[in-house]
C-alpha cells in the first residue's frame, strides 16, 4: 500500500553541502560511547540506535509523522543524500513512536480530516482505507451515503463492514507508528529508498494488552 506519509509528495529541495558539513563537524550523528552491537538495528543503508526489547520494525504504510511537525525540506534532502552516500555510515537514534491499531473510526476520522484540509497537519498524506472506496464512503458518513445511494443498501454495507473488519482489509487492524520525534531522519530514510523503519516504542503493559501485542512483537 502507499505510505501513510509520503515525503516525496511534500518536499523537493536539493541537499545542502553547507548543512552536511555542519552535521559532520558538530557530530549530530556521532555514536555515543555506551552503544553496543545489541543496541544497533540495521536497515538497508541505515543503522538505528535503539533499546533491546522495545523496538518495532514498520513499513511506510504504517508510519505517520508527528502531527503538526514542521519539516525543513533542505534538512530532509541532506539527510537522504547522506544515507544514499555509500561512503558514509549513517547511524542515528531510532525515532520514538507510539502505536495504535487502525479501526473503522480511524478511517472515518482521517476522511473527515481530508475533507477539512487537515490531513497533512495530522501527519498523513493519504487517508486510512479498507481498500474499497464505496465502503470507505459509507464508513465516513453512513447517512450521506445512504441518502445518495439508497437506504436499502444499509444491511449490505453493514455486512461488508463486518467482513472487512474480520478480514483485516486495507489498513484495518494494522499497527501504525505515530512518530514522537526524529521526523527528519525517519522520512529522509524513506526518500533514500529504505523499505521501512525501526522505531523505539515506549508503552506500558496495559497499552500493549489493548493493542494485542506481546513480547514477541518487540525486538
N, C-alpha and C. Protein backbone atom coordinates (compact mmCIF):
# COMPACT_ATOMS: atom_id res chain seq x y z
N UNK A 1 0.84 -1.20 0.00
CA UNK A 1 0.00 0.00 0.00
C UNK A 1 0.88 1.26 0.00
N UNK A 2 0.28 2.37 -0.37
CA UNK A 2 1.01 3.62 -0.38
C UNK A 2 1.40 4.03 1.03
N UNK A 3 2.51 4.77 1.17
CA UNK A 3 2.89 5.26 2.51
C UNK A 3 1.78 6.11 3.12
N UNK A 4 1.68 6.06 4.44
CA UNK A 4 0.74 6.95 5.12
C UNK A 4 1.19 8.40 4.99
N UNK A 5 2.50 8.60 5.09
CA UNK A 5 3.07 9.94 4.89
C UNK A 5 4.14 9.80 3.82
N UNK A 6 3.89 10.36 2.64
CA UNK A 6 4.80 10.25 1.52
C UNK A 6 5.60 11.53 1.40
N UNK A 7 6.83 11.51 1.89
CA UNK A 7 7.65 12.71 1.91
C UNK A 7 7.94 13.23 0.51
N UNK A 8 7.97 12.33 -0.48
CA UNK A 8 8.26 12.75 -1.85
C UNK A 8 7.18 13.66 -2.41
N UNK A 9 5.97 13.58 -1.88
CA UNK A 9 4.88 14.44 -2.33
C UNK A 9 4.98 15.85 -1.74
N UNK A 10 5.81 15.98 -0.69
CA UNK A 10 5.80 17.22 0.08
C UNK A 10 7.04 18.08 -0.12
N UNK A 11 8.16 17.45 -0.46
CA UNK A 11 9.42 18.18 -0.40
C UNK A 11 10.25 17.96 -1.65
N UNK A 12 10.88 19.06 -2.13
CA UNK A 12 11.64 18.98 -3.37
C UNK A 12 13.00 19.67 -3.29
N UNK A 13 13.43 20.16 -2.15
CA UNK A 13 14.69 20.88 -2.06
C UNK A 13 15.88 19.97 -2.33
N UNK A 14 16.97 20.56 -2.81
CA UNK A 14 18.21 19.83 -3.04
C UNK A 14 18.99 19.74 -1.74
N UNK A 15 19.88 18.75 -1.62
CA UNK A 15 20.73 18.65 -0.43
C UNK A 15 21.61 19.90 -0.29
N UNK A 16 21.97 20.21 0.95
CA UNK A 16 22.80 21.37 1.23
C UNK A 16 24.19 20.93 1.66
N UNK A 17 25.23 21.19 0.86
CA UNK A 17 26.59 20.85 1.28
C UNK A 17 26.98 21.55 2.58
N UNK A 18 26.50 22.78 2.77
CA UNK A 18 26.83 23.52 3.98
C UNK A 18 26.21 22.86 5.21
N UNK A 19 24.96 22.40 5.08
CA UNK A 19 24.31 21.73 6.20
C UNK A 19 24.99 20.40 6.49
N UNK A 20 25.35 19.67 5.44
CA UNK A 20 26.05 18.40 5.65
C UNK A 20 27.37 18.62 6.40
N UNK A 21 28.09 19.65 6.01
CA UNK A 21 29.35 19.97 6.69
C UNK A 21 29.10 20.28 8.16
N UNK A 22 28.02 21.03 8.43
CA UNK A 22 27.67 21.35 9.82
C UNK A 22 27.32 20.09 10.60
N UNK A 23 26.54 19.19 10.00
CA UNK A 23 26.15 17.94 10.66
C UNK A 23 27.39 17.13 11.03
N UNK A 24 28.33 17.05 10.10
CA UNK A 24 29.53 16.25 10.34
C UNK A 24 30.46 16.92 11.35
N UNK A 25 30.62 18.24 11.24
CA UNK A 25 31.55 18.94 12.14
C UNK A 25 31.02 18.98 13.57
N UNK A 26 29.70 19.14 13.72
CA UNK A 26 29.12 19.24 15.06
C UNK A 26 28.74 17.89 15.64
N UNK A 27 28.95 16.83 14.88
CA UNK A 27 28.72 15.49 15.41
C UNK A 27 27.27 15.15 15.69
N UNK A 28 26.37 15.64 14.82
CA UNK A 28 24.95 15.36 15.03
C UNK A 28 24.67 13.85 15.06
N UNK A 29 25.43 13.10 14.29
CA UNK A 29 25.17 11.67 14.15
C UNK A 29 26.28 10.82 14.77
N UNK A 30 27.08 11.42 15.66
CA UNK A 30 28.11 10.64 16.34
C UNK A 30 27.47 9.57 17.22
N UNK A 31 28.07 8.40 17.25
CA UNK A 31 27.55 7.29 18.05
C UNK A 31 28.06 7.41 19.49
N UNK A 32 27.15 7.45 20.47
CA UNK A 32 27.59 7.55 21.87
C UNK A 32 28.45 6.36 22.29
N UNK A 33 29.32 6.57 23.28
CA UNK A 33 30.23 5.53 23.74
C UNK A 33 29.52 4.32 24.31
N UNK A 34 28.30 4.52 24.84
CA UNK A 34 27.62 3.43 25.52
C UNK A 34 26.97 2.43 24.55
N UNK A 35 26.91 2.80 23.28
CA UNK A 35 26.21 1.96 22.31
C UNK A 35 27.02 0.70 22.00
N UNK A 36 26.35 -0.46 22.14
CA UNK A 36 26.96 -1.73 21.79
C UNK A 36 26.27 -2.35 20.61
N UNK A 37 26.74 -3.48 20.15
CA UNK A 37 26.18 -4.15 18.97
C UNK A 37 24.71 -4.49 19.17
N UNK A 38 24.33 -4.84 20.41
CA UNK A 38 22.94 -5.22 20.67
C UNK A 38 21.98 -4.03 20.57
N UNK A 39 22.53 -2.83 20.60
CA UNK A 39 21.71 -1.62 20.52
C UNK A 39 21.50 -1.15 19.09
N UNK A 40 22.08 -1.84 18.12
CA UNK A 40 22.03 -1.41 16.73
C UNK A 40 21.03 -2.22 15.93
N UNK A 41 20.17 -1.52 15.20
CA UNK A 41 19.13 -2.16 14.39
C UNK A 41 19.32 -1.68 12.96
N UNK A 42 19.56 -2.62 12.06
CA UNK A 42 20.03 -2.26 10.73
C UNK A 42 18.92 -2.29 9.69
N UNK A 43 18.94 -1.24 8.86
CA UNK A 43 18.10 -1.20 7.67
C UNK A 43 18.95 -1.53 6.46
N UNK A 44 18.52 -1.06 5.30
CA UNK A 44 19.28 -1.34 4.08
C UNK A 44 20.59 -0.55 4.07
N UNK A 45 20.49 0.78 4.22
CA UNK A 45 21.67 1.65 4.25
C UNK A 45 21.66 2.53 5.50
N UNK A 46 20.94 2.11 6.51
CA UNK A 46 20.84 2.85 7.77
C UNK A 46 21.09 1.92 8.94
N UNK A 47 21.53 2.51 10.03
CA UNK A 47 21.64 1.78 11.30
C UNK A 47 21.01 2.67 12.37
N UNK A 48 20.11 2.08 13.13
CA UNK A 48 19.37 2.84 14.14
C UNK A 48 19.78 2.38 15.54
N UNK A 49 20.02 3.35 16.41
CA UNK A 49 20.34 3.05 17.79
C UNK A 49 19.04 2.92 18.57
N UNK A 50 18.86 1.77 19.20
CA UNK A 50 17.60 1.53 19.90
C UNK A 50 17.81 0.92 21.27
N UNK A 51 16.74 0.37 21.79
CA UNK A 51 16.76 -0.27 23.11
C UNK A 51 16.23 -1.69 22.96
N UNK A 52 17.06 -2.68 23.21
CA UNK A 52 16.62 -4.07 23.05
C UNK A 52 15.32 -4.36 23.81
N UNK A 53 14.41 -5.05 23.12
CA UNK A 53 13.13 -5.40 23.72
C UNK A 53 12.06 -4.34 23.56
N UNK A 54 12.42 -3.17 22.98
CA UNK A 54 11.45 -2.08 22.82
C UNK A 54 11.40 -1.57 21.38
N UNK A 55 11.88 -2.38 20.44
CA UNK A 55 11.98 -1.94 19.06
C UNK A 55 10.97 -2.68 18.18
N UNK A 56 10.39 -1.93 17.22
CA UNK A 56 9.45 -2.50 16.27
C UNK A 56 9.83 -2.00 14.88
N UNK A 57 9.81 -2.92 13.90
CA UNK A 57 10.07 -2.55 12.51
C UNK A 57 8.74 -2.36 11.79
N UNK A 58 8.58 -1.22 11.13
CA UNK A 58 7.31 -0.91 10.45
C UNK A 58 7.58 -0.50 9.01
N UNK A 59 6.67 -0.91 8.12
CA UNK A 59 6.71 -0.46 6.74
C UNK A 59 6.14 0.95 6.67
N UNK A 60 6.35 1.61 5.52
CA UNK A 60 5.94 3.01 5.42
C UNK A 60 4.43 3.20 5.40
N UNK A 61 3.67 2.16 5.09
CA UNK A 61 2.21 2.29 5.19
C UNK A 61 1.75 2.16 6.63
N UNK A 62 2.71 2.10 7.57
CA UNK A 62 2.40 2.04 8.99
C UNK A 62 3.06 3.17 9.77
N UNK A 63 3.54 4.21 9.09
CA UNK A 63 4.28 5.28 9.76
C UNK A 63 3.64 6.63 9.45
N UNK A 64 3.27 7.35 10.51
CA UNK A 64 2.76 8.71 10.40
C UNK A 64 3.77 9.67 11.00
N UNK A 65 3.92 10.83 10.39
CA UNK A 65 4.77 11.85 11.00
C UNK A 65 4.09 12.41 12.25
N UNK A 66 4.85 13.11 13.07
CA UNK A 66 4.29 13.75 14.25
C UNK A 66 3.25 14.78 13.82
N UNK A 67 2.01 14.69 14.30
CA UNK A 67 1.01 15.69 13.92
C UNK A 67 1.50 17.11 14.19
N UNK A 68 1.39 17.95 13.16
CA UNK A 68 1.80 19.35 13.30
C UNK A 68 3.29 19.59 13.16
N UNK A 69 4.06 18.54 12.87
CA UNK A 69 5.51 18.73 12.77
C UNK A 69 5.86 19.65 11.61
N UNK A 70 6.80 20.57 11.87
CA UNK A 70 7.28 21.47 10.82
C UNK A 70 8.58 20.90 10.25
N UNK A 71 8.55 20.58 8.98
CA UNK A 71 9.70 19.98 8.32
C UNK A 71 10.57 21.06 7.67
N UNK A 72 11.87 20.78 7.63
CA UNK A 72 12.81 21.53 6.80
C UNK A 72 13.10 20.65 5.59
N UNK A 73 12.66 21.09 4.42
CA UNK A 73 12.88 20.32 3.20
C UNK A 73 14.37 20.14 2.93
N UNK A 74 15.15 21.18 3.20
CA UNK A 74 16.60 21.12 3.00
C UNK A 74 17.25 20.08 3.91
N UNK A 75 16.81 20.02 5.16
CA UNK A 75 17.36 19.05 6.11
C UNK A 75 17.00 17.63 5.69
N UNK A 76 15.77 17.42 5.25
CA UNK A 76 15.35 16.11 4.77
C UNK A 76 16.21 15.66 3.59
N UNK A 77 16.39 16.55 2.63
CA UNK A 77 17.16 16.20 1.44
C UNK A 77 18.61 15.91 1.78
N UNK A 78 19.15 16.65 2.73
CA UNK A 78 20.56 16.46 3.11
C UNK A 78 20.75 15.13 3.82
N UNK A 79 19.87 14.81 4.75
CA UNK A 79 19.94 13.51 5.41
C UNK A 79 19.78 12.37 4.38
N UNK A 80 18.83 12.53 3.46
CA UNK A 80 18.61 11.50 2.45
C UNK A 80 19.85 11.29 1.59
N UNK A 81 20.51 12.39 1.24
CA UNK A 81 21.73 12.31 0.46
C UNK A 81 22.83 11.58 1.23
N UNK A 82 22.91 11.81 2.53
CA UNK A 82 23.92 11.14 3.35
C UNK A 82 23.64 9.64 3.44
N UNK A 83 22.36 9.27 3.52
CA UNK A 83 22.00 7.85 3.57
C UNK A 83 22.37 7.15 2.27
N UNK A 84 22.14 7.84 1.16
CA UNK A 84 22.42 7.24 -0.16
C UNK A 84 23.91 7.19 -0.48
N UNK A 85 24.70 7.97 0.23
CA UNK A 85 26.15 8.00 0.03
C UNK A 85 26.76 6.78 0.70
N UNK A 86 27.13 5.78 -0.11
CA UNK A 86 27.63 4.53 0.44
C UNK A 86 28.94 4.70 1.19
N UNK A 87 29.63 5.82 0.97
CA UNK A 87 30.89 6.05 1.68
C UNK A 87 30.66 6.57 3.09
N UNK A 88 29.37 6.86 3.42
CA UNK A 88 29.04 7.42 4.73
C UNK A 88 28.21 6.41 5.51
N UNK A 89 28.61 6.13 6.73
CA UNK A 89 27.88 5.18 7.57
C UNK A 89 26.83 5.95 8.38
N UNK A 90 25.59 5.89 7.92
CA UNK A 90 24.53 6.65 8.56
C UNK A 90 24.01 5.89 9.78
N UNK A 91 24.36 6.37 10.96
CA UNK A 91 23.92 5.78 12.22
C UNK A 91 23.22 6.88 13.02
N UNK A 92 21.99 6.63 13.47
CA UNK A 92 21.22 7.66 14.17
C UNK A 92 20.31 7.01 15.19
N UNK A 93 19.87 7.80 16.15
CA UNK A 93 18.91 7.31 17.12
C UNK A 93 17.60 6.96 16.46
N UNK A 94 17.05 5.81 16.81
CA UNK A 94 15.75 5.41 16.26
C UNK A 94 14.67 6.38 16.72
N UNK A 95 13.80 6.82 15.84
CA UNK A 95 12.70 7.69 16.24
C UNK A 95 11.82 7.01 17.30
N UNK A 96 11.35 7.78 18.25
CA UNK A 96 10.41 7.25 19.23
C UNK A 96 9.00 7.37 18.67
N UNK A 97 8.16 6.38 18.94
CA UNK A 97 6.81 6.37 18.39
C UNK A 97 5.84 5.80 19.40
N UNK A 98 4.58 6.20 19.28
CA UNK A 98 3.52 5.50 20.00
C UNK A 98 2.68 4.76 18.96
N UNK A 99 2.07 3.68 19.39
CA UNK A 99 1.38 2.79 18.47
C UNK A 99 -0.13 2.86 18.63
N UNK A 100 -0.83 2.63 17.54
CA UNK A 100 -2.28 2.49 17.56
C UNK A 100 -2.64 1.40 16.55
N UNK A 101 -3.82 0.82 16.70
CA UNK A 101 -4.31 -0.18 15.76
C UNK A 101 -5.51 0.41 15.03
N UNK A 102 -5.48 0.38 13.71
CA UNK A 102 -6.49 1.06 12.89
C UNK A 102 -7.83 0.34 12.97
N UNK A 103 -8.89 1.12 13.21
CA UNK A 103 -10.25 0.60 13.19
C UNK A 103 -11.12 1.46 12.27
N UNK A 104 -12.40 1.12 12.19
CA UNK A 104 -13.28 1.83 11.24
C UNK A 104 -13.43 3.30 11.62
N UNK A 105 -13.36 3.61 12.90
CA UNK A 105 -13.46 5.02 13.32
C UNK A 105 -12.27 5.82 12.81
N UNK A 106 -11.08 5.21 12.81
CA UNK A 106 -9.90 5.91 12.30
C UNK A 106 -10.05 6.23 10.82
N UNK A 107 -10.66 5.30 10.07
CA UNK A 107 -10.89 5.56 8.64
C UNK A 107 -11.80 6.78 8.47
N UNK A 108 -12.90 6.80 9.21
CA UNK A 108 -13.83 7.92 9.11
C UNK A 108 -13.18 9.23 9.54
N UNK A 109 -12.39 9.19 10.62
CA UNK A 109 -11.74 10.39 11.13
C UNK A 109 -10.73 10.94 10.13
N UNK A 110 -9.98 10.04 9.48
CA UNK A 110 -8.99 10.50 8.51
C UNK A 110 -9.67 11.11 7.28
N UNK A 111 -10.81 10.56 6.88
CA UNK A 111 -11.52 11.12 5.74
C UNK A 111 -12.12 12.48 6.08
N UNK A 112 -12.55 12.63 7.32
CA UNK A 112 -13.06 13.94 7.76
C UNK A 112 -11.93 14.96 7.76
N UNK A 113 -10.74 14.54 8.21
CA UNK A 113 -9.58 15.44 8.22
C UNK A 113 -9.21 15.87 6.80
N UNK A 114 -9.30 14.93 5.86
CA UNK A 114 -9.00 15.27 4.47
C UNK A 114 -10.03 16.26 3.94
N UNK A 115 -11.29 16.05 4.22
CA UNK A 115 -12.34 16.96 3.75
C UNK A 115 -12.16 18.36 4.32
N UNK A 116 -11.65 18.42 5.54
CA UNK A 116 -11.45 19.72 6.21
C UNK A 116 -10.10 20.35 5.88
N UNK A 117 -9.27 19.63 5.10
CA UNK A 117 -7.96 20.15 4.74
C UNK A 117 -6.92 20.02 5.83
N UNK A 118 -7.13 19.11 6.78
CA UNK A 118 -6.23 18.97 7.92
C UNK A 118 -5.44 17.66 7.92
N UNK A 119 -5.51 16.92 6.83
CA UNK A 119 -4.89 15.59 6.83
C UNK A 119 -3.38 15.67 7.01
N UNK A 120 -2.72 16.55 6.27
CA UNK A 120 -1.26 16.66 6.37
C UNK A 120 -0.84 17.17 7.74
N UNK A 121 -1.62 18.07 8.31
CA UNK A 121 -1.32 18.56 9.66
C UNK A 121 -1.38 17.41 10.66
N UNK A 122 -2.20 16.42 10.37
CA UNK A 122 -2.32 15.26 11.24
C UNK A 122 -1.25 14.20 11.00
N UNK A 123 -0.32 14.47 10.08
CA UNK A 123 0.81 13.58 9.89
C UNK A 123 0.65 12.55 8.79
N UNK A 124 -0.31 12.75 7.88
CA UNK A 124 -0.57 11.78 6.82
C UNK A 124 -0.77 12.49 5.49
N UNK A 125 -0.44 11.79 4.40
CA UNK A 125 -0.73 12.34 3.07
C UNK A 125 -1.80 11.52 2.36
N UNK A 126 -2.29 10.48 2.99
CA UNK A 126 -3.46 9.76 2.48
C UNK A 126 -4.31 9.33 3.66
N UNK A 127 -5.55 9.03 3.39
CA UNK A 127 -6.44 8.57 4.45
C UNK A 127 -6.23 7.08 4.72
N UNK A 128 -6.67 6.64 5.87
CA UNK A 128 -6.80 5.20 6.10
C UNK A 128 -7.90 4.69 5.17
N UNK A 129 -7.82 3.41 4.84
CA UNK A 129 -8.79 2.86 3.88
C UNK A 129 -9.04 1.38 4.12
N UNK A 130 -10.20 0.92 3.71
CA UNK A 130 -10.48 -0.52 3.68
C UNK A 130 -10.01 -1.14 2.37
N UNK A 131 -9.63 -0.28 1.42
CA UNK A 131 -9.31 -0.74 0.07
C UNK A 131 -10.51 -0.73 -0.86
N UNK A 132 -11.67 -0.33 -0.33
CA UNK A 132 -12.91 -0.28 -1.11
C UNK A 132 -13.48 1.14 -0.96
N UNK A 133 -13.45 1.91 -2.03
CA UNK A 133 -13.88 3.31 -1.96
C UNK A 133 -15.33 3.44 -1.53
N UNK A 134 -16.18 2.54 -1.99
CA UNK A 134 -17.59 2.61 -1.63
C UNK A 134 -17.79 2.36 -0.14
N UNK A 135 -17.08 1.36 0.40
CA UNK A 135 -17.20 1.08 1.83
C UNK A 135 -16.60 2.22 2.64
N UNK A 136 -15.49 2.77 2.18
CA UNK A 136 -14.90 3.92 2.87
C UNK A 136 -15.91 5.07 2.96
N UNK A 137 -16.60 5.33 1.85
CA UNK A 137 -17.59 6.42 1.84
C UNK A 137 -18.71 6.14 2.83
N UNK A 138 -19.10 4.88 2.94
CA UNK A 138 -20.15 4.52 3.90
C UNK A 138 -19.66 4.72 5.33
N UNK A 139 -18.43 4.32 5.61
CA UNK A 139 -17.88 4.47 6.96
C UNK A 139 -17.73 5.94 7.33
N UNK A 140 -17.38 6.75 6.34
CA UNK A 140 -17.20 8.18 6.59
C UNK A 140 -18.50 8.83 7.02
N UNK A 141 -19.56 8.55 6.29
CA UNK A 141 -20.87 9.13 6.63
C UNK A 141 -21.97 8.21 6.15
N UNK A 142 -22.42 7.28 7.01
CA UNK A 142 -23.50 6.38 6.59
C UNK A 142 -24.74 7.13 6.11
N UNK A 143 -25.08 8.22 6.80
CA UNK A 143 -26.28 8.97 6.44
C UNK A 143 -26.16 9.56 5.04
N UNK A 144 -25.03 10.17 4.76
CA UNK A 144 -24.81 10.79 3.45
C UNK A 144 -24.79 9.71 2.35
N UNK A 145 -24.11 8.61 2.65
CA UNK A 145 -24.01 7.54 1.67
C UNK A 145 -25.39 6.97 1.34
N UNK A 146 -26.19 6.66 2.36
CA UNK A 146 -27.49 6.04 2.14
C UNK A 146 -28.48 7.01 1.49
N UNK A 147 -28.34 8.30 1.81
CA UNK A 147 -29.20 9.31 1.18
C UNK A 147 -28.92 9.36 -0.32
N UNK A 148 -27.64 9.18 -0.67
CA UNK A 148 -27.26 9.27 -2.09
C UNK A 148 -27.47 7.96 -2.83
N UNK A 149 -27.15 6.83 -2.17
CA UNK A 149 -27.18 5.53 -2.85
C UNK A 149 -28.44 4.72 -2.60
N UNK A 150 -29.17 5.07 -1.53
CA UNK A 150 -30.40 4.36 -1.23
C UNK A 150 -30.33 3.62 0.10
N UNK A 151 -31.35 3.84 0.95
CA UNK A 151 -31.35 3.25 2.29
C UNK A 151 -31.44 1.73 2.25
N UNK A 152 -31.88 1.20 1.12
CA UNK A 152 -32.00 -0.26 1.02
C UNK A 152 -30.63 -0.96 1.04
N UNK A 153 -29.54 -0.17 0.92
CA UNK A 153 -28.19 -0.75 0.92
C UNK A 153 -27.60 -0.87 2.33
N UNK A 154 -28.33 -0.40 3.34
CA UNK A 154 -27.75 -0.35 4.68
C UNK A 154 -27.31 -1.72 5.18
N UNK A 155 -28.17 -2.72 5.08
CA UNK A 155 -27.82 -4.06 5.57
C UNK A 155 -26.61 -4.61 4.82
N UNK A 156 -26.58 -4.39 3.52
CA UNK A 156 -25.45 -4.88 2.71
C UNK A 156 -24.15 -4.20 3.12
N UNK A 157 -24.21 -2.90 3.35
CA UNK A 157 -22.99 -2.17 3.72
C UNK A 157 -22.53 -2.56 5.12
N UNK A 158 -23.46 -2.79 6.03
CA UNK A 158 -23.07 -3.23 7.37
C UNK A 158 -22.40 -4.60 7.30
N UNK A 159 -22.91 -5.46 6.43
CA UNK A 159 -22.29 -6.78 6.26
C UNK A 159 -20.88 -6.64 5.67
N UNK A 160 -20.73 -5.75 4.70
CA UNK A 160 -19.40 -5.51 4.11
C UNK A 160 -18.44 -4.97 5.17
N UNK A 161 -18.94 -4.12 6.03
CA UNK A 161 -18.11 -3.56 7.09
C UNK A 161 -17.61 -4.66 8.02
N UNK A 162 -18.50 -5.54 8.44
CA UNK A 162 -18.11 -6.62 9.35
C UNK A 162 -17.13 -7.57 8.68
N UNK A 163 -17.33 -7.84 7.40
CA UNK A 163 -16.40 -8.71 6.67
C UNK A 163 -15.02 -8.05 6.56
N UNK A 164 -15.00 -6.74 6.30
CA UNK A 164 -13.73 -6.03 6.18
C UNK A 164 -12.97 -6.05 7.50
N UNK A 165 -13.69 -5.86 8.61
CA UNK A 165 -13.06 -5.91 9.93
C UNK A 165 -12.51 -7.30 10.20
N UNK A 166 -13.32 -8.31 9.90
CA UNK A 166 -12.91 -9.71 10.14
C UNK A 166 -11.68 -10.07 9.32
N UNK A 167 -11.63 -9.61 8.07
CA UNK A 167 -10.54 -9.99 7.17
C UNK A 167 -9.33 -9.07 7.27
N UNK A 168 -9.47 -7.97 7.98
CA UNK A 168 -8.37 -7.02 8.05
C UNK A 168 -8.07 -6.36 6.72
N UNK A 169 -9.13 -5.97 6.02
CA UNK A 169 -8.96 -5.38 4.69
C UNK A 169 -8.26 -4.02 4.78
N UNK A 170 -7.45 -3.72 3.77
CA UNK A 170 -6.79 -2.42 3.73
C UNK A 170 -5.94 -2.18 4.97
N UNK A 171 -6.18 -1.03 5.60
CA UNK A 171 -5.43 -0.67 6.80
C UNK A 171 -6.03 -1.25 8.08
N UNK A 172 -7.22 -1.81 7.99
CA UNK A 172 -7.91 -2.27 9.20
C UNK A 172 -7.08 -3.31 9.96
N UNK A 173 -6.92 -3.05 11.24
CA UNK A 173 -6.17 -3.97 12.09
C UNK A 173 -4.68 -3.75 12.09
N UNK A 174 -4.18 -2.89 11.19
CA UNK A 174 -2.74 -2.63 11.14
C UNK A 174 -2.29 -1.83 12.35
N UNK A 175 -1.09 -2.14 12.81
CA UNK A 175 -0.44 -1.30 13.80
C UNK A 175 0.20 -0.11 13.07
N UNK A 176 -0.04 1.09 13.56
CA UNK A 176 0.54 2.29 12.98
C UNK A 176 1.40 2.98 14.03
N UNK A 177 2.59 3.40 13.61
CA UNK A 177 3.51 4.13 14.49
C UNK A 177 3.39 5.62 14.21
N UNK A 178 2.96 6.37 15.23
CA UNK A 178 2.95 7.83 15.16
C UNK A 178 4.25 8.32 15.78
N UNK A 179 5.08 8.98 14.98
CA UNK A 179 6.37 9.41 15.49
C UNK A 179 6.21 10.51 16.53
N UNK A 180 7.00 10.41 17.59
CA UNK A 180 7.07 11.46 18.60
C UNK A 180 8.23 12.41 18.32
N UNK A 181 9.27 11.88 17.68
CA UNK A 181 10.44 12.68 17.32
C UNK A 181 11.13 12.02 16.14
N UNK A 182 12.23 12.64 15.69
CA UNK A 182 13.03 12.03 14.63
C UNK A 182 12.39 12.03 13.26
N UNK A 183 11.50 12.99 13.00
CA UNK A 183 10.80 13.01 11.72
C UNK A 183 11.75 13.19 10.53
N UNK A 184 12.73 14.06 10.68
CA UNK A 184 13.62 14.32 9.55
C UNK A 184 14.46 13.09 9.20
N UNK A 185 15.06 12.46 10.18
CA UNK A 185 15.88 11.29 9.85
C UNK A 185 15.03 10.12 9.39
N UNK A 186 13.81 10.00 9.94
CA UNK A 186 12.92 8.91 9.52
C UNK A 186 12.52 9.06 8.05
N UNK A 187 12.01 10.22 7.69
CA UNK A 187 11.49 10.38 6.33
C UNK A 187 12.59 10.67 5.32
N UNK A 188 13.78 11.05 5.79
CA UNK A 188 14.94 11.06 4.91
C UNK A 188 15.25 9.63 4.49
N UNK A 189 15.12 8.68 5.42
CA UNK A 189 15.33 7.28 5.09
C UNK A 189 14.32 6.81 4.04
N UNK A 190 13.07 7.28 4.18
CA UNK A 190 12.06 6.94 3.16
C UNK A 190 12.48 7.49 1.80
N UNK A 191 12.89 8.76 1.75
CA UNK A 191 13.30 9.37 0.49
C UNK A 191 14.51 8.67 -0.11
N UNK A 192 15.36 8.11 0.75
CA UNK A 192 16.57 7.43 0.29
C UNK A 192 16.30 6.00 -0.16
N UNK A 193 15.05 5.54 -0.04
CA UNK A 193 14.71 4.23 -0.54
C UNK A 193 14.70 3.11 0.47
N UNK A 194 14.81 3.45 1.77
CA UNK A 194 14.70 2.42 2.79
C UNK A 194 13.29 1.81 2.74
N UNK A 195 13.16 0.48 2.84
CA UNK A 195 11.83 -0.14 2.74
C UNK A 195 10.96 0.02 3.98
N UNK A 196 11.56 0.40 5.10
CA UNK A 196 10.81 0.57 6.34
C UNK A 196 11.67 1.22 7.38
N UNK A 197 11.22 1.18 8.63
CA UNK A 197 11.85 1.96 9.69
C UNK A 197 11.81 1.22 11.02
N UNK A 198 12.92 1.27 11.75
CA UNK A 198 12.94 0.81 13.14
C UNK A 198 12.52 1.96 14.04
N UNK A 199 11.57 1.72 14.93
CA UNK A 199 11.14 2.74 15.89
C UNK A 199 11.26 2.20 17.31
N UNK A 200 11.52 3.12 18.23
CA UNK A 200 11.57 2.80 19.65
C UNK A 200 10.20 3.09 20.24
N UNK A 201 9.62 2.11 20.92
CA UNK A 201 8.26 2.23 21.43
C UNK A 201 8.28 2.23 22.96
N UNK A 202 7.67 3.26 23.52
CA UNK A 202 7.56 3.35 24.97
C UNK A 202 6.09 3.13 25.35
N UNK A 203 5.75 1.91 25.74
CA UNK A 203 4.38 1.58 26.13
C UNK A 203 4.40 0.86 27.47
N UNK A 204 3.23 0.79 28.09
CA UNK A 204 3.13 0.01 29.32
C UNK A 204 2.33 -1.26 29.04
N UNK A 205 2.24 -2.13 30.02
CA UNK A 205 1.60 -3.43 29.83
C UNK A 205 0.13 -3.29 29.43
N UNK A 206 -0.56 -2.29 30.01
CA UNK A 206 -1.97 -2.11 29.69
C UNK A 206 -2.16 -1.71 28.23
N UNK A 207 -1.31 -0.82 27.73
CA UNK A 207 -1.40 -0.40 26.34
C UNK A 207 -1.11 -1.57 25.40
N UNK A 208 -0.10 -2.34 25.75
CA UNK A 208 0.27 -3.48 24.90
C UNK A 208 -0.85 -4.51 24.86
N UNK A 209 -1.49 -4.73 26.00
CA UNK A 209 -2.61 -5.67 26.03
C UNK A 209 -3.76 -5.15 25.18
N UNK A 210 -4.04 -3.85 25.27
CA UNK A 210 -5.11 -3.25 24.49
C UNK A 210 -4.85 -3.39 23.00
N UNK A 211 -3.58 -3.26 22.59
CA UNK A 211 -3.21 -3.35 21.18
C UNK A 211 -3.03 -4.79 20.71
N UNK A 212 -3.08 -5.73 21.66
CA UNK A 212 -2.90 -7.12 21.30
C UNK A 212 -1.45 -7.48 21.03
N UNK A 213 -0.51 -6.76 21.67
CA UNK A 213 0.90 -7.01 21.46
C UNK A 213 1.47 -7.89 22.57
N UNK A 214 2.49 -8.65 22.23
CA UNK A 214 3.20 -9.47 23.21
C UNK A 214 4.69 -9.16 23.10
N UNK A 215 5.47 -9.73 23.99
CA UNK A 215 6.92 -9.50 23.95
C UNK A 215 7.52 -9.92 22.61
N UNK A 216 6.89 -10.92 21.98
CA UNK A 216 7.40 -11.41 20.71
C UNK A 216 7.28 -10.38 19.58
N UNK A 217 6.45 -9.35 19.79
CA UNK A 217 6.29 -8.32 18.76
C UNK A 217 7.41 -7.29 18.80
N UNK A 218 8.23 -7.33 19.85
CA UNK A 218 9.33 -6.38 20.01
C UNK A 218 10.66 -7.09 19.84
N UNK A 219 11.64 -6.34 19.39
CA UNK A 219 12.99 -6.91 19.25
C UNK A 219 14.00 -6.06 20.01
